[in-house]
Amino acid sequence: MASINLFDTGNHKNVLLEDFSGGLAVQANQHLIIHGANAMLLDPGGHKVYNRVLSETLSLLGPHAKLRYLFLSHQDPDIVAAVNGWLMTTDAEAYASKLWIRFIPHFGLDRLVEERLRPIPDQGMDLDLGGCPLKILPAHFLHSPGNFQVYDPVAKILYSGDLGASLGTEARIVENFDGHVQHMEGFHRRYMASNRAMRAWGAMVRRLDIETIAPQHGAMFQGREMCERFIAWCEALPCGVDLIDDLYPQAAG
């Protein structure tokens, strides 16, 4: 595994930490945004990957940059399980939905670092990363009821969390959208809450200048045309409670 630069101007860098997982664990991407001397790590992961992700992150930061923020898109263990280790070994602040602030400590959060777990309001917020205005965007019910994404206006990357996740593919970048749908469809139909939530998300992100959509699992969507294909696919997909009769067959009768 090697880190991969998605964007780099010298002062602003977006790095994909492609995959530190293995075995039964679902494949997961970690992302690092470095702006000047400050950095944010997105969805840092669980205990099995903690040591390797920490080592790679510190290596990328070097002696001149500091991990300022941890972003936790939602409450799943592949995102937050190792947050105590990150808070104990760095001075970073961790941001998660206000809905999960009382639940995340059950992963073993030490009282010494509790005050550095910060709530994100439902409407989202801006975070200043050393002069870079990162946008924390609501993506509620996609799939978590308290769910957020990050938009980097410098790199024009939308970090979409579980939305856009693909399974069973080795591809890093989506080359053929129609062929890629088979790796997304089952997951999205079951894990995303409803088409109404999908359409609300689509209306929001269409206002952004997006050149890359980077999910937490699987391949990325690069280029405006490919990003548009993905957004339109989400807006048209029946999912979650739209398919409730398939999960409760007796209700259909």
Protein backbone atom coordinates (compact mmCIF):
# COMPACT_ATOMS: atom_id res chain seq x y z
CA MET A 1 0.00 0.00 0.00
CA ALA A 2 1.25 3.51 -0.80
CA SER A 3 -0.21 6.94 -0.30
CA ILE A 4 -1.40 8.62 -3.50
CA ASN A 5 -1.57 12.34 -4.16
CA LEU A 6 -4.94 13.36 -5.57
CA PHE A 7 -4.08 17.06 -5.66
CA ASP A 8 -0.89 18.96 -4.89
CA THR A 9 0.01 22.62 -5.29
CA GLY A 10 2.85 22.53 -2.78
CA ASN A 11 0.90 24.43 -0.14
CA HIS A 12 -2.25 22.32 -0.47
CA LYS A 13 -2.21 18.56 -0.79
CA ASN A 14 -4.93 15.88 -0.81
CA VAL A 15 -3.63 12.37 -0.14
CA LEU A 16 -5.42 9.03 -0.42
CA LEU A 17 -4.32 6.38 2.07
CA GLU A 18 -5.79 3.67 -0.06
CA ASP A 19 -6.25 0.59 2.10
CA PHE A 20 -4.82 -0.61 5.40
CA SER A 21 -7.59 -3.12 6.07
CA GLY A 22 -7.62 -6.86 5.39
CA GLY A 23 -9.26 -10.17 6.25
CA LEU A 24 -12.97 -9.88 6.97
CA ALA A 25 -12.78 -6.11 7.43
CA VAL A 26 -14.47 -4.04 4.73
CA GLN A 27 -12.03 -2.17 2.49
CA ALA A 28 -11.76 1.46 3.57
CA ASN A 29 -10.02 4.58 2.31
CA GLN A 30 -8.54 7.17 4.61
CA HIS A 31 -7.97 10.67 3.26
CA LEU A 32 -5.61 13.39 4.45
CA ILE A 33 -5.93 17.07 3.57
CA ILE A 34 -2.81 19.15 4.22
CA HIS A 35 -2.92 22.92 3.90
CA GLY A 36 0.30 24.67 4.83
CA ALA A 37 1.23 23.49 8.31
CA ASN A 38 -2.23 22.09 9.17
CA ALA A 39 -3.95 18.82 8.32
CA MET A 40 -7.26 17.01 8.61
CA LEU A 41 -7.61 13.22 8.58
CA LEU A 42 -10.97 11.91 7.39
CA ASP A 43 -12.57 8.78 8.87
CA PRO A 44 -9.35 7.45 10.47
CA GLY A 45 -10.61 3.90 11.02
CA GLY A 46 -10.57 1.18 13.62
CA HIS A 47 -8.04 -0.47 15.91
CA LYS A 48 -6.62 -2.91 13.35
CA VAL A 49 -5.42 -0.13 11.05
CA TYR A 50 -4.59 2.48 13.68
CA ASN A 51 -0.83 1.92 13.97
CA ARG A 52 -0.23 1.84 10.23
CA VAL A 53 -2.46 4.82 9.45
CA LEU A 54 -0.85 6.82 12.27
CA SER A 55 2.64 6.00 11.02
CA GLU A 56 1.80 6.92 7.43
CA THR A 57 0.05 10.13 8.50
CA LEU A 58 2.95 11.32 10.64
CA SER A 59 5.37 10.48 7.83
CA LEU A 60 3.36 12.57 5.37
CA LEU A 61 3.10 15.49 7.80
CA GLY A 62 6.81 15.48 8.57
CA PRO A 63 8.29 17.91 11.10
CA HIS A 64 6.57 21.04 9.77
CA ALA A 65 2.85 20.12 9.66
CA LYS A 66 0.42 19.27 12.44
CA LEU A 67 -2.73 17.16 12.55
CA ARG A 68 -5.35 19.69 13.57
CA TYR A 69 -8.65 17.92 12.88
CA LEU A 70 -10.13 14.43 12.74
CA PHE A 71 -13.35 14.25 10.75
CA LEU A 72 -15.79 11.47 11.65
CA SER A 73 -18.51 11.25 8.99
CA HIS A 74 -20.71 9.06 11.18
CA GLN A 75 -20.60 6.55 14.03
CA ASP A 76 -19.58 3.26 12.37
CA PRO A 77 -16.57 1.40 13.85
CA ASP A 78 -14.60 1.48 10.59
CA ILE A 79 -14.57 5.26 11.08
CA VAL A 80 -14.39 6.00 14.81
CA ALA A 81 -13.26 2.90 16.73
CA ALA A 82 -9.66 4.10 17.17
CA VAL A 83 -10.48 7.75 17.88
CA ASN A 84 -9.18 7.50 21.46
CA GLY A 85 -5.73 6.55 20.19
CA TRP A 86 -5.69 9.50 17.80
CA LEU A 87 -6.74 11.95 20.50
CA MET A 88 -4.23 10.55 23.00
CA THR A 89 -1.26 10.69 20.60
CA THR A 90 -2.02 14.00 18.84
CA ASP A 91 -3.46 17.39 19.75
CA ALA A 92 -6.18 17.12 17.10
CA GLU A 93 -9.83 17.94 17.64
CA ALA A 94 -12.35 15.33 16.45
CA TYR A 95 -15.59 16.48 14.82
CA ALA A 96 -18.70 14.29 14.61
CA SER A 97 -22.45 14.78 14.43
CA LYS A 98 -23.97 16.08 17.64
CA LEU A 99 -26.13 12.92 17.59
CA TRP A 100 -23.10 10.70 18.25
CA ILE A 101 -21.17 12.68 20.86
CA ARG A 102 -22.63 10.59 23.71
CA PHE A 103 -22.19 7.29 21.84
CA ILE A 104 -18.62 7.56 20.54
CA PRO A 105 -17.18 7.43 24.11
CA HIS A 106 -18.39 3.80 24.25
CA PHE A 107 -15.46 2.98 21.96
CA GLY A 108 -13.22 3.75 24.95
CA LEU A 109 -12.72 7.51 24.96
CA ASP A 110 -10.46 8.59 27.83
CA ARG A 111 -11.72 11.39 30.05
CA LEU A 112 -8.48 13.28 29.39
CA VAL A 113 -9.47 13.85 25.75
CA GLU A 114 -13.27 14.08 25.94
CA GLU A 115 -13.26 17.85 25.53
CA ARG A 116 -11.60 17.48 22.11
CA LEU A 117 -14.58 15.56 20.69
CA ARG A 118 -16.62 18.36 19.14
CA PRO A 119 -20.22 18.33 17.83
CA ILE A 120 -21.22 19.21 14.28
CA PRO A 121 -24.66 20.88 14.12
CA ASP A 122 -27.25 19.31 11.83
CA GLN A 123 -26.89 22.03 9.20
CA GLY A 124 -23.13 21.50 8.93
CA MET A 125 -20.38 24.07 9.41
CA ASP A 126 -17.17 25.50 8.01
CA LEU A 127 -13.78 24.52 9.40
CA ASP A 128 -10.76 26.75 8.86
CA LEU A 129 -7.78 24.53 8.06
CA GLY A 130 -4.99 27.06 8.36
CA GLY A 131 -6.70 29.41 5.89
CA CYS A 132 -8.49 26.78 3.79
CA PRO A 133 -12.29 26.97 4.35
CA LEU A 134 -13.40 23.33 4.38
CA LYS A 135 -17.15 22.82 4.22
CA ILE A 136 -18.78 20.18 6.43
CA LEU A 137 -21.99 19.30 4.58
CA PRO A 138 -25.06 17.44 5.85
CA ALA A 139 -25.72 14.06 4.27
CA HIS A 140 -28.23 12.80 6.81
CA PHE A 141 -29.72 9.33 6.30
CA LEU A 142 -27.04 8.53 3.71
CA HIS A 143 -26.77 6.25 5.52
CA SER A 144 -26.59 7.42 9.13
CA PRO A 145 -29.20 9.77 10.67
CA GLY A 146 -26.27 11.95 11.72
CA ASN A 147 -24.04 11.91 8.65
CA PHE A 148 -21.69 14.47 7.08
CA GLN A 149 -19.38 14.93 4.11
CA VAL A 150 -16.42 17.25 3.48
CA TYR A 151 -16.01 19.54 0.49
CA ASP A 152 -12.56 20.96 -0.22
CA PRO A 153 -13.00 24.06 -2.42
CA VAL A 154 -9.30 24.26 -3.27
CA ALA A 155 -8.99 20.74 -4.69
CA LYS A 156 -12.69 20.65 -5.68
CA ILE A 157 -13.03 17.24 -4.02
CA LEU A 158 -16.20 16.06 -2.31
CA TYR A 159 -15.42 13.41 0.30
CA SER A 160 -18.70 11.50 0.27
CA GLY A 161 -18.23 8.87 2.99
CA ASP A 162 -20.39 5.79 2.41
CA LEU A 163 -22.28 7.45 -0.43
CA GLY A 164 -20.65 6.16 -3.58
CA ALA A 165 -19.10 3.17 -1.82
CA SER A 166 -18.30 0.24 -4.08
CA LEU A 167 -17.57 -3.35 -3.14
CA GLY A 168 -15.87 -6.15 -5.03
CA THR A 169 -13.75 -4.01 -7.33
CA GLU A 170 -10.00 -3.43 -7.37
CA ALA A 171 -10.38 -0.22 -9.37
CA ARG A 172 -9.15 3.02 -7.82
CA ILE A 173 -10.92 5.27 -10.34
CA VAL A 174 -14.25 4.60 -12.08
CA GLU A 175 -13.59 4.35 -15.82
CA ASN A 176 -16.92 2.91 -17.00
CA PHE A 177 -19.89 4.13 -14.95
CA ASP A 178 -22.42 1.64 -16.31
CA GLY A 179 -20.05 -1.25 -15.60
CA HIS A 180 -19.34 0.10 -12.12
CA VAL A 181 -23.00 0.23 -11.02
CA GLN A 182 -22.98 -3.49 -10.16
CA HIS A 183 -20.42 -2.75 -7.42
CA MET A 184 -22.60 -0.01 -5.85
CA GLU A 185 -26.21 -0.90 -6.38
CA GLY A 186 -26.82 -3.55 -3.72
CA PHE A 187 -25.07 -1.55 -1.02
CA HIS A 188 -26.90 1.68 -1.83
CA ARG A 189 -30.32 0.09 -2.11
CA ARG A 190 -29.96 -1.39 1.38
CA TYR A 191 -27.88 1.17 3.27
CA MET A 192 -29.23 4.50 2.00
CA ALA A 193 -32.46 5.52 3.72
CA SER A 194 -34.65 6.77 0.88
CA ASN A 195 -34.73 8.34 -2.55
CA ARG A 196 -36.04 11.54 -0.95
CA ALA A 197 -32.78 11.83 1.02
CA MET A 198 -30.82 11.11 -2.16
CA ARG A 199 -32.62 13.86 -4.06
CA ALA A 200 -32.08 16.38 -1.25
CA TRP A 201 -28.38 15.57 -1.32
CA GLY A 202 -28.24 15.91 -5.09
CA ALA A 203 -29.85 19.35 -5.01
CA MET A 204 -27.27 20.48 -2.43
CA VAL A 205 -24.11 19.21 -4.12
CA ARG A 206 -25.10 20.44 -7.58
CA ARG A 207 -24.37 23.94 -6.26
CA LEU A 208 -20.72 22.98 -5.69
CA ASP A 209 -17.81 23.05 -8.12
CA ILE A 210 -16.84 19.34 -7.98
CA GLU A 211 -14.13 17.64 -9.98
CA THR A 212 -13.73 14.51 -7.81
CA ILE A 213 -16.07 12.52 -5.57
CA ALA A 214 -14.07 10.34 -3.19
CA PRO A 215 -16.04 7.72 -1.19
CA GLN A 216 -14.75 5.96 1.92
CA HIS A 217 -14.94 2.55 0.22
CA GLY A 218 -13.87 1.63 -3.28
CA ALA A 219 -13.26 3.68 -6.39
CA MET A 220 -13.42 7.45 -6.92
CA PHE A 221 -15.34 9.42 -9.52
CA GLN A 222 -13.05 11.83 -11.39
CA GLY A 223 -14.03 14.52 -13.86
CA ARG A 224 -17.19 16.61 -13.98
CA GLU A 225 -19.00 14.26 -16.34
CA MET A 226 -18.38 11.20 -14.16
CA CYS A 227 -19.38 13.10 -11.00
CA GLU A 228 -22.60 14.21 -12.73
CA ARG A 229 -23.35 10.62 -13.74
CA PHE A 230 -23.03 9.53 -10.12
CA ILE A 231 -25.20 12.36 -8.74
CA ALA A 232 -27.92 11.66 -11.31
CA TRP A 233 -27.78 7.93 -10.51
CA CYS A 234 -28.29 8.66 -6.81
CA GLU A 235 -31.22 10.96 -7.51
CA ALA A 236 -33.01 8.24 -9.50
CA LEU A 237 -32.30 5.26 -7.20
CA PRO A 238 -35.09 3.71 -5.09
CA CYS A 239 -33.50 2.68 -1.81
CA GLY A 240 -34.09 2.05 1.88
CA VAL A 241 -37.71 2.54 2.92
CA ASP A 242 -38.72 2.81 -0.76
CA LEU A 243 -38.11 -0.96 -0.89
CA ILE A 244 -39.71 -1.83 2.45
CA ASP A 245 -42.11 -4.35 0.91
CA ASP A 246 -39.14 -6.41 -0.26
CA LEU A 247 -37.92 -6.72 3.33
CA TYR A 248 -41.35 -7.30 4.90
CA PRO A 249 -43.10 -9.55 2.34
CA GLN A 250 -46.18 -9.89 4.53
CA ALA A 251 -46.74 -6.13 4.23
CA ALA A 252 -47.18 -6.43 0.47
CA GLY A 253 -50.14 -8.75 0.88
